[in-house]
C-alpha atoms as a PDB file:
ATOM      1  CA  MET A   1    -277.634  11.065 -57.936  1.00  0.00           C
ATOM      2  CA  ASN A   2    -280.483   8.616 -57.967  1.00  0.00           C
ATOM      3  CA  PHE A   3    -282.185   6.923 -55.043  1.00  0.00           C
ATOM      4  CA  GLN A   4    -280.105   3.722 -55.266  1.00  0.00           C
ATOM      5  CA  ASN A   5    -276.817   5.638 -55.074  1.00  0.00           C
ATOM      6  CA  GLN A   6    -278.070   7.667 -52.119  1.00  0.00           C
ATOM      7  CA  PHE A   7    -279.186   4.510 -50.326  1.00  0.00           C
ATOM      8  CA  GLU A   8    -275.846   2.755 -50.903  1.00  0.00           C
ATOM      9  CA  ALA A   9    -273.922   5.821 -49.720  1.00  0.00           C
ATOM     10  CA  CYS A  10    -276.078   5.991 -46.585  1.00  0.00           C
ATOM     11  CA  ILE A  11    -275.424   2.329 -45.744  1.00  0.00           C
ATOM     12  CA  ILE A  12    -271.676   2.610 -46.401  1.00  0.00           C
ATOM     13  CA  CYS A  13    -271.288   5.833 -44.399  1.00  0.00           C
ATOM     14  CA  GLY A  14    -273.301   4.347 -41.541  1.00  0.00           C
ATOM     15  CA  ALA A  15    -271.025   1.300 -41.447  1.00  0.00           C
ATOM     16  CA  ILE A  16    -267.924   3.500 -41.487  1.00  0.00           C
ATOM     17  CA  GLY A  17    -269.313   5.654 -38.678  1.00  0.00           C
ATOM     18  CA  ASP A  18    -270.162   2.602 -36.571  1.00  0.00           C
ATOM     19  CA  ALA A  19    -266.695   1.128 -37.070  1.00  0.00           C
ATOM     20  CA  TRP A  20    -264.990   4.428 -36.301  1.00  0.00           C
ATOM     21  CA  GLY A  21    -266.996   5.137 -33.153  1.00  0.00           C
ATOM     22  CA  SER A  22    -267.066   1.617 -31.725  1.00  0.00           C
ATOM     23  CA  SER A  23    -263.630   1.912 -30.119  1.00  0.00           C
ATOM     24  CA  TYR A  24    -264.746   4.557 -27.627  1.00  0.00           C
ATOM     25  CA  GLU A  25    -268.527   4.224 -27.632  1.00  0.00           C
ATOM     26  CA  ASN A  26    -268.827   2.316 -24.328  1.00  0.00           C
ATOM     27  CA  GLU A  27    -265.679   3.673 -22.705  1.00  0.00           C
ATOM     28  CA  VAL A  28    -266.136   4.887 -19.122  1.00  0.00           C
ATOM     29  CA  LEU A  29    -264.115   8.018 -18.512  1.00  0.00           C
ATOM     30  CA  ILE A  30    -265.375   8.800 -15.007  1.00  0.00           C
ATOM     31  CA  ASP A  31    -265.712   6.234 -12.233  1.00  0.00           C
ATOM     32  CA  ASP A  32    -269.252   6.813 -10.932  1.00  0.00           C
ATOM     33  CA  SER A  33    -268.889   4.242  -8.153  1.00  0.00           C
ATOM     34  CA  GLU A  34    -267.079   6.751  -5.918  1.00  0.00           C
ATOM     35  CA  ILE A  35    -268.399  10.157  -4.935  1.00  0.00           C
ATOM     36  CA  TYR A  36    -266.246  12.862  -3.361  1.00  0.00           C
ATOM     37  CA  TYR A  37    -267.648  15.900  -1.582  1.00  0.00           C
ATOM     38  CA  LEU A  38    -265.118  18.637  -0.836  1.00  0.00           C
ATOM     39  CA  GLY A  39    -262.242  16.194  -1.297  1.00  0.00           C
ATOM     40  CA  LYS A  40    -263.569  13.494   1.079  1.00  0.00           C
ATOM     41  CA  LYS A  41    -264.862  10.136  -0.083  1.00  0.00           C
ATOM     42  CA  LYS A  42    -268.524   9.621   0.905  1.00  0.00           C
ATOM     43  CA  ILE A  43    -269.370   6.265  -0.720  1.00  0.00           C
END
């Protein structure tokens, strides 16, 4: 494998990884706007 093939593979794999991970990259799983201490809401 020469340098050009390695470079092209890196770019293609990076684009695939970005496309695959973009659906959940900025997804918020926990609501940080509310805090509970011992079952009671404090904020």
